């Protein structure tokens, strides 16, 4: 809910990264390596796939704990922020730099 509030206040990606850096320290995630965070993010991607399958009414194991697509996307976004912080990357700057490259790319 806090992340949603920050987004509604039109926070920049840099501000979200700083926010998540503070939260990861509070939660004890600040000692994780990029590899740790990546593996956890991949796990969340799997949970997102299950949530999408459920939403699309594709048969899945009834015993599987499935979260809403919205929640899984938020988890993945949090890990993206976390990995960026671990590696000392400015995610917003990386996004715009890549977008400049994409403008020059021929899409087929």
C-alpha atoms as a PDB file:
ATOM      1  CA  UNK A   1       0.000   0.000   0.000  1.00  0.00           C
ATOM      2  CA  UNK A   2       2.893   2.351   0.777  1.00  0.00           C
ATOM      3  CA  UNK A   3       4.384   1.714  -2.672  1.00  0.00           C
ATOM      4  CA  UNK A   4       1.004   2.464  -4.261  1.00  0.00           C
ATOM      5  CA  UNK A   5       0.781   5.723  -2.271  1.00  0.00           C
ATOM      6  CA  UNK A   6       4.281   6.717  -3.390  1.00  0.00           C
ATOM      7  CA  UNK A   7       3.359   6.026  -7.007  1.00  0.00           C
ATOM      8  CA  UNK A   8       0.156   8.023  -6.672  1.00  0.00           C
ATOM      9  CA  UNK A   9       2.232  10.938  -5.372  1.00  0.00           C
ATOM     10  CA  UNK A  10       4.154  10.714  -8.663  1.00  0.00           C
ATOM     11  CA  UNK A  11       7.465   9.808  -7.083  1.00  0.00           C
ATOM     12  CA  UNK A  12      10.366   9.368  -9.452  1.00  0.00           C
ATOM     13  CA  UNK A  13      12.068   6.053  -9.932  1.00  0.00           C
ATOM     14  CA  UNK A  14      15.082   7.447  -8.032  1.00  0.00           C
ATOM     15  CA  UNK A  15      12.820   8.244  -5.080  1.00  0.00           C
ATOM     16  CA  UNK A  16      11.345   4.748  -5.224  1.00  0.00           C
ATOM     17  CA  UNK A  17      14.860   3.272  -5.261  1.00  0.00           C
ATOM     18  CA  UNK A  18      15.819   5.311  -2.192  1.00  0.00           C
ATOM     19  CA  UNK A  19      12.574   4.272  -0.484  1.00  0.00           C
ATOM     20  CA  UNK A  20      13.250   0.611  -1.210  1.00  0.00           C
ATOM     21  CA  UNK A  21      16.875   0.905  -0.040  1.00  0.00           C
ATOM     22  CA  UNK A  22      15.576   2.150   3.325  1.00  0.00           C
ATOM     23  CA  UNK A  23      12.957  -0.606   3.520  1.00  0.00           C
ATOM     24  CA  UNK A  24      15.431  -3.334   2.573  1.00  0.00           C
ATOM     25  CA  UNK A  25      17.740  -2.191   5.374  1.00  0.00           C
ATOM     26  CA  UNK A  26      14.824  -2.173   7.863  1.00  0.00           C
ATOM     27  CA  UNK A  27      13.805  -5.672   6.744  1.00  0.00           C
ATOM     28  CA  UNK A  28      17.327  -7.089   6.807  1.00  0.00           C
ATOM     29  CA  UNK A  29      17.645  -7.504   3.036  1.00  0.00           C
ATOM     30  CA  UNK A  30      20.599  -5.129   2.723  1.00  0.00           C
ATOM     31  CA  UNK A  31      23.136  -7.979   3.016  1.00  0.00           C
ATOM     32  CA  UNK A  32      21.728  -9.888   0.016  1.00  0.00           C
ATOM     33  CA  UNK A  33      23.870 -10.204  -3.079  1.00  0.00           C
ATOM     34  CA  UNK A  34      22.598  -9.429  -6.564  1.00  0.00           C
ATOM     35  CA  UNK A  35      22.523 -13.190  -7.162  1.00  0.00           C
ATOM     36  CA  UNK A  36      20.342 -13.746  -4.062  1.00  0.00           C
ATOM     37  CA  UNK A  37      17.916 -11.024  -5.128  1.00  0.00           C
ATOM     38  CA  UNK A  38      17.802 -12.263  -8.722  1.00  0.00           C
ATOM     39  CA  UNK A  39      16.920 -15.792  -7.639  1.00  0.00           C
ATOM     40  CA  UNK A  40      14.189 -14.433  -5.386  1.00  0.00           C
ATOM     41  CA  UNK A  41      12.875 -12.284  -8.243  1.00  0.00           C
ATOM     42  CA  UNK A  42      12.776 -15.331 -10.547  1.00  0.00           C
ATOM     43  CA  UNK A  43      10.736 -17.099  -7.872  1.00  0.00           C
ATOM     44  CA  UNK A  44       8.286 -14.177  -7.932  1.00  0.00           C
ATOM     45  CA  UNK A  45       8.093 -14.396 -11.741  1.00  0.00           C
ATOM     46  CA  UNK A  46       6.997 -18.027 -11.313  1.00  0.00           C
ATOM     47  CA  UNK A  47       4.317 -16.941  -8.862  1.00  0.00           C
ATOM     48  CA  UNK A  48       3.204 -14.277 -11.343  1.00  0.00           C
ATOM     49  CA  UNK A  49       2.900 -16.939 -14.054  1.00  0.00           C
ATOM     50  CA  UNK A  50       0.683 -19.011 -11.759  1.00  0.00           C
ATOM     51  CA  UNK A  51      -1.476 -15.996 -10.922  1.00  0.00           C
ATOM     52  CA  UNK A  52      -1.893 -15.173 -14.623  1.00  0.00           C
ATOM     53  CA  UNK A  53      -2.786 -18.803 -15.356  1.00  0.00           C
ATOM     54  CA  UNK A  54      -5.403 -18.700 -12.613  1.00  0.00           C
ATOM     55  CA  UNK A  55      -6.839 -15.445 -13.889  1.00  0.00           C
ATOM     56  CA  UNK A  56      -6.981 -16.886 -17.405  1.00  0.00           C
ATOM     57  CA  UNK A  57      -8.859 -19.916 -16.007  1.00  0.00           C
ATOM     58  CA  UNK A  58      -6.136 -22.331 -17.055  1.00  0.00           C
ATOM     59  CA  UNK A  59      -6.092 -25.454 -14.896  1.00  0.00           C
ATOM     60  CA  UNK A  60      -3.566 -25.368 -12.069  1.00  0.00           C
ATOM     61  CA  UNK A  61      -3.053 -27.413  -8.933  1.00  0.00           C
ATOM     62  CA  UNK A  62      -5.765 -26.404  -6.443  1.00  0.00           C
ATOM     63  CA  UNK A  63      -3.302 -26.803  -3.547  1.00  0.00           C
ATOM     64  CA  UNK A  64      -0.982 -24.168  -4.998  1.00  0.00           C
ATOM     65  CA  UNK A  65      -1.032 -20.889  -3.105  1.00  0.00           C
ATOM     66  CA  UNK A  66      -1.689 -18.223  -5.706  1.00  0.00           C
ATOM     67  CA  UNK A  67      -1.592 -14.470  -5.183  1.00  0.00           C
ATOM     68  CA  UNK A  68      -3.191 -11.770  -7.292  1.00  0.00           C
ATOM     69  CA  UNK A  69      -1.329 -10.743 -10.434  1.00  0.00           C
ATOM     70  CA  UNK A  70      -1.112  -7.235  -9.043  1.00  0.00           C
ATOM     71  CA  UNK A  71       0.734  -8.399  -5.922  1.00  0.00           C
ATOM     72  CA  UNK A  72       3.204 -10.517  -7.872  1.00  0.00           C
ATOM     73  CA  UNK A  73       4.031  -7.652 -10.220  1.00  0.00           C
ATOM     74  CA  UNK A  74       4.676  -5.456  -7.180  1.00  0.00           C
ATOM     75  CA  UNK A  75       6.988  -8.122  -5.722  1.00  0.00           C
ATOM     76  CA  UNK A  76       8.932  -8.303  -8.991  1.00  0.00           C
ATOM     77  CA  UNK A  77       9.169  -4.516  -9.119  1.00  0.00           C
ATOM     78  CA  UNK A  78      10.509  -4.479  -5.551  1.00  0.00           C
ATOM     79  CA  UNK A  79      13.214  -6.996  -6.482  1.00  0.00           C
ATOM     80  CA  UNK A  80      14.107  -4.932  -9.542  1.00  0.00           C
ATOM     81  CA  UNK A  81      14.596  -1.915  -7.279  1.00  0.00           C
ATOM     82  CA  UNK A  82      16.554  -4.058  -4.813  1.00  0.00           C
ATOM     83  CA  UNK A  83      18.924  -5.500  -7.435  1.00  0.00           C
ATOM     84  CA  UNK A  84      19.502  -2.016  -8.851  1.00  0.00           C
ATOM     85  CA  UNK A  85      20.387  -0.758  -5.375  1.00  0.00           C
ATOM     86  CA  UNK A  86      22.719  -3.690  -4.670  1.00  0.00           C
ATOM     87  CA  UNK A  87      24.584  -3.031  -7.916  1.00  0.00           C
ATOM     88  CA  UNK A  88      24.607   0.730  -7.383  1.00  0.00           C
ATOM     89  CA  UNK A  89      22.627   1.388 -10.556  1.00  0.00           C
ATOM     90  CA  UNK A  90      20.306   4.302 -11.178  1.00  0.00           C
ATOM     91  CA  UNK A  91      17.333   2.421 -12.604  1.00  0.00           C
ATOM     92  CA  UNK A  92      15.694   5.551 -13.988  1.00  0.00           C
ATOM     93  CA  UNK A  93      18.879   6.546 -15.812  1.00  0.00           C
ATOM     94  CA  UNK A  94      19.289   2.978 -17.099  1.00  0.00           C
ATOM     95  CA  UNK A  95      15.704   2.997 -18.352  1.00  0.00           C
ATOM     96  CA  UNK A  96      16.137   6.225 -20.340  1.00  0.00           C
ATOM     97  CA  UNK A  97      19.545   5.175 -21.682  1.00  0.00           C
ATOM     98  CA  UNK A  98      18.047   1.913 -22.958  1.00  0.00           C
ATOM     99  CA  UNK A  99      15.064   3.783 -24.412  1.00  0.00           C
ATOM    100  CA  UNK A 100      17.468   5.944 -26.438  1.00  0.00           C
ATOM    101  CA  UNK A 101      19.023   2.746 -27.828  1.00  0.00           C
ATOM    102  CA  UNK A 102      15.559   1.341 -28.547  1.00  0.00           C
ATOM    103  CA  UNK A 103      14.633   4.442 -30.562  1.00  0.00           C
ATOM    104  CA  UNK A 104      17.462   3.639 -32.972  1.00  0.00           C
ATOM    105  CA  UNK A 105      16.604  -0.045 -33.154  1.00  0.00           C
ATOM    106  CA  UNK A 106      14.631  -1.480 -36.031  1.00  0.00           C
ATOM    107  CA  UNK A 107      11.739  -3.491 -34.617  1.00  0.00           C
ATOM    108  CA  UNK A 108      10.421  -6.406 -36.642  1.00  0.00           C
END
